[in-house]
Amino acid sequence: MKILIRLFALLFLCLLLAGGGLAWFVYDFLHSVPESAGREIQFDVLPGASFGKIARELEEKGLVTDAEKFGWLARYRKMDNRLQAGRFALRTDWTPDQVLDWLVNGQPVLFRVTVPEGLTWWQTGKLLEAAGFVRFEDFRAVVLDKDFLRKYGIPFASAEGFLMPDTYLIRKDDAPDMDSARSVAGRLVDNFWRKAETRWPGGQKPQAEELKRLVILASVVEKETAIDGERARVAGVYANRLKRNMLLQADPTVIYGLGAGFEGNLRRKHLDDPANPYNTYQRPGLPPGPICSFGMTALAAAIAPEEHNFLYFVARTDGGEHIFSTNLNDHNRAVRQYLQNRRKQRQAE
């Protein structure tokens, strides 16, 4: 009987020691940090990555001491399927609980980029490449991709005009690829549709042909003036010219047709070239597609042009306000005044 009691006592002691060891084992892991003098590390959680892979990468980067134990903790807390995708700023002096909580509830690291109004798609692509979000060739492939255009309801051969100017917070990949370009381009187009929805007449998206007309006209207005108060008036000039079957004669459309290689000096040979499909000095009507990304004030102007009798306009000075004319004689006089003002500007510089 005494032997049996001793055996039970020994078994109880073993269980007690094992339980204590397990408790210490758990306590030690939960309160240990990889480095006492912590440092910040950028860590990416890719969409669709398994928790096991993420845990191993956390251990490899020195953010947790043991991937397997980290997995036990996540499963115990029922968080192994709740990790967000994105880039996170983690620290090596955080406990496993802190790391797990930030991957589930924290804010991913996002980078700010501003896409100005008036850029072409290739200028936008170069800007995004310089900021490290995309590779230009990937971005080019995406904005010309028929499946991408179909998905986002873009009725042109490129996404030109639909890459919404705005300031964005975007996740940055260490090695941008086609998926990065597709994600960023989609973000810009989604933003266009969201903002344009508040501008459509009657709150209804226009039918395809009307949509094309509005987007093209808005892009031309955007390039013709940076002054918000003039945009509806400029749109009205083009509306009047179209009604009278006059050529639009818009320099920005010719420049767009010359492409990324345009050196900045528009010449007579460019205006006389009928092969350029965007040459509105030679071809009637609107150009075949939008010529830049435009803001919502330009779209509003295209939707509701100012009603007037003006048929011409020219800047007073480079980048300044415009003089609007109802007849060619007045316009030619305004052009001569513009040339004089420009000469004075250059002499003063």
Protein backbone atom coordinates (compact mmCIF):
# COMPACT_ATOMS: atom_id res chain seq x y z
CA MET A 1 0.00 0.00 0.00
CA LYS A 2 2.85 2.36 0.91
CA ILE A 3 4.50 1.61 -2.45
CA LEU A 4 1.29 2.52 -4.30
CA ILE A 5 1.00 5.79 -2.39
CA ARG A 6 4.60 6.62 -3.22
CA LEU A 7 3.97 5.91 -6.92
CA PHE A 8 0.92 8.22 -6.97
CA ALA A 9 2.91 10.90 -5.17
CA LEU A 10 5.76 10.56 -7.69
CA LEU A 11 3.33 10.74 -10.61
CA PHE A 12 1.67 13.83 -9.13
CA LEU A 13 5.05 15.48 -8.65
CA CYS A 14 6.00 14.70 -12.27
CA LEU A 15 2.73 16.19 -13.50
CA LEU A 16 3.25 19.23 -11.32
CA LEU A 17 6.78 19.69 -12.62
CA ALA A 18 5.64 19.16 -16.22
CA GLY A 19 2.83 21.66 -15.77
CA GLY A 20 5.20 24.15 -14.24
CA GLY A 21 7.66 23.59 -17.03
CA LEU A 22 4.97 24.09 -19.63
CA ALA A 23 3.79 27.24 -17.89
CA TRP A 24 7.34 28.57 -17.82
CA PHE A 25 7.79 27.54 -21.46
CA VAL A 26 4.68 29.54 -22.46
CA TYR A 27 5.52 32.48 -20.19
CA ASP A 28 9.07 32.70 -21.49
CA PHE A 29 7.95 32.77 -25.14
CA LEU A 30 5.17 35.30 -24.58
CA HIS A 31 7.48 37.71 -22.77
CA SER A 32 10.68 37.28 -24.74
CA VAL A 33 11.72 39.69 -27.51
CA PRO A 34 14.24 39.02 -30.28
CA GLU A 35 16.29 42.13 -29.44
CA SER A 36 16.28 44.25 -26.29
CA ALA A 37 17.53 47.32 -28.18
CA GLY A 38 14.78 47.24 -30.79
CA ARG A 39 14.81 48.43 -34.38
CA GLU A 40 12.07 48.88 -36.97
CA ILE A 41 11.70 46.43 -39.85
CA GLN A 42 9.34 46.74 -42.79
CA PHE A 43 7.46 43.47 -43.21
CA ASP A 44 5.19 42.51 -46.13
CA VAL A 45 2.17 40.23 -45.79
CA LEU A 46 1.32 39.23 -49.33
CA PRO A 47 -2.30 38.51 -50.32
CA GLY A 48 -3.05 34.76 -50.06
CA ALA A 49 0.18 33.87 -48.19
CA SER A 50 -0.21 31.02 -45.70
CA PHE A 51 0.19 31.73 -42.02
CA GLY A 52 3.01 29.19 -41.76
CA LYS A 53 4.99 31.00 -44.46
CA ILE A 54 4.39 34.37 -42.78
CA ALA A 55 5.51 32.99 -39.39
CA ARG A 56 8.74 31.58 -40.90
CA GLU A 57 9.50 34.94 -42.56
CA LEU A 58 8.91 36.71 -39.25
CA GLU A 59 11.46 34.40 -37.61
CA GLU A 60 13.94 34.85 -40.49
CA LYS A 61 13.73 38.64 -40.17
CA GLY A 62 14.24 38.47 -36.40
CA LEU A 63 10.74 39.63 -35.47
CA VAL A 64 9.76 36.52 -33.48
CA THR A 65 12.01 33.99 -31.75
CA ASP A 66 10.16 30.86 -32.86
CA ALA A 67 7.82 30.49 -35.85
CA GLU A 68 6.18 27.31 -34.56
CA LYS A 69 5.37 28.79 -31.15
CA PHE A 70 4.10 31.93 -32.87
CA GLY A 71 1.75 29.69 -34.84
CA TRP A 72 0.48 28.08 -31.63
CA LEU A 73 -0.21 31.52 -30.19
CA ALA A 74 -2.12 32.67 -33.30
CA ARG A 75 -4.25 29.52 -33.39
CA TYR A 76 -4.98 29.75 -29.66
CA ARG A 77 -6.13 33.36 -30.11
CA LYS A 78 -7.98 32.42 -33.33
CA MET A 79 -6.06 35.01 -35.30
CA ASP A 80 -4.20 32.80 -37.77
CA ASN A 81 -6.78 33.54 -40.50
CA ARG A 82 -7.21 37.25 -39.72
CA LEU A 83 -3.91 38.75 -40.84
CA GLN A 84 -4.17 41.78 -43.15
CA ALA A 85 -2.29 42.01 -46.43
CA GLY A 86 0.07 44.96 -46.64
CA ARG A 87 3.40 46.36 -45.48
CA PHE A 88 3.79 46.80 -41.72
CA ALA A 89 6.33 48.61 -39.59
CA LEU A 90 7.22 46.04 -36.90
CA ARG A 91 9.88 46.21 -34.17
CA THR A 92 12.34 43.62 -32.93
CA ASP A 93 11.70 44.58 -29.29
CA TRP A 94 8.01 43.65 -29.50
CA THR A 95 6.59 40.56 -27.81
CA PRO A 96 4.88 37.90 -29.97
CA ASP A 97 1.49 39.22 -28.79
CA GLN A 98 2.35 42.72 -29.97
CA VAL A 99 3.51 41.48 -33.38
CA LEU A 100 0.39 39.37 -33.85
CA ASP A 101 -1.95 42.14 -32.75
CA TRP A 102 -0.35 44.66 -35.17
CA LEU A 103 -0.60 42.27 -38.12
CA VAL A 104 -4.31 41.81 -37.37
CA ASN A 105 -5.40 45.25 -36.17
CA GLY A 106 -2.60 47.67 -37.07
CA GLN A 107 -2.37 50.04 -40.01
CA PRO A 108 -0.28 48.87 -42.97
CA VAL A 109 2.50 51.24 -44.03
CA LEU A 110 1.33 53.27 -47.00
CA PHE A 111 3.28 55.74 -49.12
CA ARG A 112 1.95 59.05 -50.41
CA VAL A 113 2.03 60.00 -54.09
CA THR A 114 0.32 62.89 -55.88
CA VAL A 115 -0.80 62.54 -59.50
CA PRO A 116 -1.29 66.10 -60.84
CA GLU A 117 -4.00 67.11 -63.27
CA GLY A 118 -3.13 67.23 -66.95
CA LEU A 119 -0.68 64.31 -67.19
CA THR A 120 -0.77 61.79 -70.03
CA TRP A 121 -0.82 58.11 -69.15
CA TRP A 122 2.89 57.79 -69.94
CA GLN A 123 3.74 60.78 -67.73
CA THR A 124 1.69 59.20 -64.95
CA GLY A 125 3.52 55.91 -65.47
CA LYS A 126 6.92 57.61 -65.27
CA LEU A 127 5.87 59.44 -62.10
CA LEU A 128 4.70 56.22 -60.44
CA GLU A 129 7.87 54.41 -61.51
CA ALA A 130 10.07 57.17 -60.08
CA ALA A 131 8.15 56.89 -56.79
CA GLY A 132 8.82 53.14 -56.72
CA PHE A 133 5.24 51.88 -57.10
CA VAL A 134 5.41 50.32 -60.58
CA ARG A 135 7.71 49.50 -63.44
CA PHE A 136 6.84 51.70 -66.39
CA GLU A 137 6.61 48.85 -68.91
CA ASP A 138 4.19 46.98 -66.63
CA PHE A 139 2.07 50.11 -66.24
CA ARG A 140 2.09 50.63 -70.02
CA ALA A 141 0.94 47.05 -70.59
CA VAL A 142 -1.89 47.44 -68.07
CA VAL A 143 -3.31 50.74 -69.37
CA LEU A 144 -3.37 49.30 -72.89
CA ASP A 145 -4.69 45.88 -71.89
CA LYS A 146 -8.10 45.10 -73.38
CA ASP A 147 -9.16 42.95 -70.43
CA PHE A 148 -8.27 45.73 -67.98
CA LEU A 149 -10.18 48.29 -70.05
CA ARG A 150 -13.20 46.00 -70.31
CA LYS A 151 -13.18 45.29 -66.58
CA TYR A 152 -13.21 49.00 -65.71
CA GLY A 153 -15.70 50.05 -68.40
CA ILE A 154 -13.26 52.22 -70.36
CA PRO A 155 -14.52 52.69 -73.96
CA PHE A 156 -11.15 53.61 -75.51
CA ALA A 157 -7.97 51.85 -76.59
CA SER A 158 -6.16 53.00 -73.44
CA ALA A 159 -6.98 54.15 -69.92
CA GLU A 160 -6.07 57.72 -70.86
CA GLY A 161 -8.40 60.18 -69.15
CA PHE A 162 -9.44 57.69 -66.45
CA LEU A 163 -6.28 57.80 -64.29
CA MET A 164 -7.74 60.17 -61.74
CA PRO A 165 -5.49 63.01 -60.55
CA ASP A 166 -5.38 62.96 -56.76
CA THR A 167 -3.16 62.26 -53.76
CA TYR A 168 -3.01 58.56 -52.92
CA LEU A 169 -1.71 56.40 -50.11
CA ILE A 170 -0.47 53.19 -51.71
CA ARG A 171 1.41 50.12 -50.54
CA LYS A 172 4.87 49.86 -52.08
CA ASP A 173 6.27 46.46 -53.10
CA ASP A 174 9.98 45.74 -52.81
CA ALA A 175 9.98 44.42 -56.38
CA PRO A 176 7.05 45.94 -58.32
CA ASP A 177 5.60 43.63 -60.96
CA MET A 178 2.60 43.38 -63.25
CA ASP A 179 0.27 42.83 -60.29
CA SER A 180 1.60 46.03 -58.71
CA ALA A 181 0.87 47.98 -61.89
CA ARG A 182 -2.59 46.47 -62.23
CA SER A 183 -3.40 47.28 -58.61
CA VAL A 184 -2.20 50.90 -58.82
CA ALA A 185 -3.86 51.58 -62.19
CA GLY A 186 -7.09 50.03 -60.93
CA ARG A 187 -6.95 52.25 -57.86
CA LEU A 188 -6.71 55.38 -60.04
CA VAL A 189 -9.56 54.29 -62.34
CA ASP A 190 -11.79 53.32 -59.43
CA ASN A 191 -11.24 56.79 -58.02
CA PHE A 192 -12.26 58.33 -61.35
CA TRP A 193 -15.59 56.48 -61.43
CA ARG A 194 -16.26 57.26 -57.78
CA LYS A 195 -15.71 61.00 -58.23
CA ALA A 196 -17.40 61.22 -61.63
CA GLU A 197 -20.51 59.59 -60.18
CA THR A 198 -21.23 62.83 -58.31
CA ARG A 199 -21.00 64.88 -61.53
CA TRP A 200 -23.10 63.00 -64.07
CA PRO A 201 -26.28 64.80 -65.09
CA GLY A 202 -29.16 63.39 -63.06
CA GLY A 203 -26.71 61.16 -61.22
CA GLN A 204 -26.76 58.67 -64.11
CA LYS A 205 -23.66 57.50 -65.96
CA PRO A 206 -23.98 58.63 -69.62
CA GLN A 207 -24.38 56.17 -72.46
CA ALA A 208 -21.19 55.12 -74.25
CA GLU A 209 -21.06 57.77 -76.98
CA GLU A 210 -21.97 60.62 -74.64
CA LEU A 211 -19.44 59.34 -72.12
CA LYS A 212 -16.75 59.40 -74.80
CA ARG A 213 -17.64 62.94 -75.81
CA LEU A 214 -17.58 64.27 -72.27
CA VAL A 215 -14.31 62.60 -71.34
CA ILE A 216 -12.55 63.78 -74.50
CA LEU A 217 -13.83 67.35 -74.17
CA ALA A 218 -12.92 67.47 -70.46
CA SER A 219 -9.36 66.39 -71.25
CA VAL A 220 -8.97 69.13 -73.89
CA VAL A 221 -10.36 71.74 -71.49
CA GLU A 222 -7.91 70.54 -68.83
CA LYS A 223 -4.95 71.11 -71.13
CA GLU A 224 -6.16 74.47 -72.44
CA THR A 225 -6.47 76.28 -69.13
CA ALA A 226 -5.40 75.75 -65.54
CA ILE A 227 -7.80 78.47 -64.34
CA ASP A 228 -10.94 76.93 -62.90
CA GLY A 229 -13.06 79.98 -63.65
CA GLU A 230 -12.28 79.75 -67.37
CA ARG A 231 -12.98 76.09 -67.95
CA ALA A 232 -16.71 76.33 -68.64
CA ARG A 233 -16.02 79.23 -71.02
CA VAL A 234 -13.35 77.23 -72.88
CA ALA A 235 -15.75 74.29 -73.12
CA GLY A 236 -18.34 76.69 -74.52
CA VAL A 237 -15.93 77.81 -77.26
CA TYR A 238 -15.44 74.21 -78.38
CA ALA A 239 -19.16 73.50 -78.16
CA ASN A 240 -19.80 76.51 -80.42
CA ARG A 241 -17.16 75.44 -82.93
CA LEU A 242 -18.55 71.91 -83.09
CA LYS A 243 -22.06 73.25 -83.71
CA ARG A 244 -20.75 75.31 -86.61
CA ASN A 245 -18.69 72.42 -88.03
CA MET A 246 -15.52 74.43 -87.47
CA LEU A 247 -12.21 72.73 -86.82
CA LEU A 248 -11.32 72.75 -83.14
CA GLN A 249 -7.71 73.77 -83.83
CA ALA A 250 -6.55 72.79 -80.35
CA ASP A 251 -2.77 72.70 -79.96
CA PRO A 252 -2.84 70.20 -77.04
CA THR A 253 -4.51 67.55 -79.17
CA VAL A 254 -1.79 67.84 -81.83
CA ILE A 255 0.90 67.58 -79.15
CA TYR A 256 -0.73 64.48 -77.69
CA GLY A 257 -0.72 62.82 -81.10
CA LEU A 258 3.03 63.44 -81.37
CA GLY A 259 3.48 61.19 -78.33
CA ALA A 260 6.11 61.03 -75.62
CA GLY A 261 8.83 62.05 -78.07
CA PHE A 262 7.49 65.58 -78.52
CA GLU A 263 10.40 67.94 -77.88
CA GLY A 264 8.30 70.88 -76.69
CA ASN A 265 8.27 73.09 -79.79
CA LEU A 266 5.06 72.87 -81.83
CA ARG A 267 5.86 73.70 -85.46
CA ARG A 268 3.86 74.47 -88.59
CA LYS A 269 4.73 71.05 -90.03
CA HIS A 270 2.99 69.47 -87.03
CA LEU A 271 -0.16 71.52 -87.59
CA ASP A 272 -0.17 70.65 -91.30
CA ASP A 273 0.25 66.90 -90.79
CA PRO A 274 -3.03 65.07 -91.61
CA ALA A 275 -1.53 61.72 -90.59
CA ASN A 276 -1.73 62.64 -86.91
CA PRO A 277 -5.17 61.33 -85.80
CA TYR A 278 -5.22 63.93 -83.00
CA ASN A 279 -4.53 66.87 -85.32
CA THR A 280 -7.66 68.98 -84.90
CA TYR A 281 -6.23 71.52 -87.35
CA GLN A 282 -6.69 68.94 -90.10
CA ARG A 283 -9.41 66.60 -88.81
CA PRO A 284 -12.96 67.68 -87.96
CA GLY A 285 -14.68 67.02 -84.67
CA LEU A 286 -13.21 65.87 -81.40
CA PRO A 287 -10.00 63.81 -81.35
CA PRO A 288 -10.41 60.01 -81.18
CA GLY A 289 -9.73 59.83 -77.45
CA PRO A 290 -8.91 61.83 -74.32
CA ILE A 291 -5.50 63.49 -74.18
CA CYS A 292 -4.77 63.61 -70.44
CA SER A 293 -6.06 62.95 -66.95
CA PHE A 294 -8.36 65.76 -65.88
CA GLY A 295 -9.90 67.05 -62.70
CA MET A 296 -13.57 67.22 -61.84
CA THR A 297 -13.81 70.96 -62.65
CA ALA A 298 -12.87 70.16 -66.25
CA LEU A 299 -15.48 67.39 -66.36
CA ALA A 300 -18.09 69.75 -64.92
CA ALA A 301 -17.22 72.26 -67.66
CA ALA A 302 -17.62 69.62 -70.36
CA ILE A 303 -20.99 68.60 -68.93
CA ALA A 304 -22.26 72.19 -68.66
CA PRO A 305 -20.35 74.50 -71.04
CA GLU A 306 -20.91 78.22 -70.64
CA GLU A 307 -23.39 79.59 -73.18
CA HIS A 308 -21.89 82.49 -75.14
CA ASN A 309 -20.90 83.52 -78.69
CA PHE A 310 -17.14 83.15 -78.38
CA LEU A 311 -15.34 81.12 -81.06
CA TYR A 312 -11.70 81.89 -80.28
CA PHE A 313 -9.39 82.37 -77.34
CA VAL A 314 -5.70 83.02 -76.73
CA ALA A 315 -3.67 83.55 -73.57
CA ARG A 316 -2.70 87.05 -72.49
CA THR A 317 0.65 85.66 -71.35
CA ASP A 318 2.12 82.18 -71.04
CA GLY A 319 0.17 80.33 -68.36
CA GLY A 320 -2.15 83.28 -67.77
CA GLU A 321 -5.76 84.14 -68.36
CA HIS A 322 -7.23 84.11 -71.86
CA ILE A 323 -8.83 86.67 -74.14
CA PHE A 324 -12.02 85.35 -75.74
CA SER A 325 -13.24 86.62 -79.11
CA THR A 326 -16.38 86.23 -81.21
CA ASN A 327 -14.70 86.92 -84.56
CA LEU A 328 -11.40 86.29 -86.30
CA ASN A 329 -10.32 89.95 -86.53
CA ASP A 330 -10.55 90.41 -82.77
CA HIS A 331 -8.82 87.09 -82.24
CA ASN A 332 -5.91 88.01 -84.52
CA ARG A 333 -5.54 91.26 -82.62
CA ALA A 334 -5.44 89.31 -79.36
CA VAL A 335 -2.84 86.94 -80.81
CA ARG A 336 -0.59 89.88 -81.75
CA GLN A 337 -0.96 91.22 -78.23
CA TYR A 338 -0.04 87.81 -76.82
CA LEU A 339 3.12 87.67 -78.94
CA GLN A 340 4.14 91.13 -77.77
CA ASN A 341 3.53 90.17 -74.15
CA ARG A 342 5.56 86.99 -74.56
CA ARG A 343 8.51 88.90 -76.03
CA LYS A 344 8.41 91.30 -73.08
CA GLN A 345 8.29 88.36 -70.67
CA ARG A 346 11.35 86.76 -72.21
CA GLN A 347 13.29 90.03 -72.26
CA ALA A 348 12.56 90.49 -68.57
CA GLU A 349 13.79 87.01 -67.64
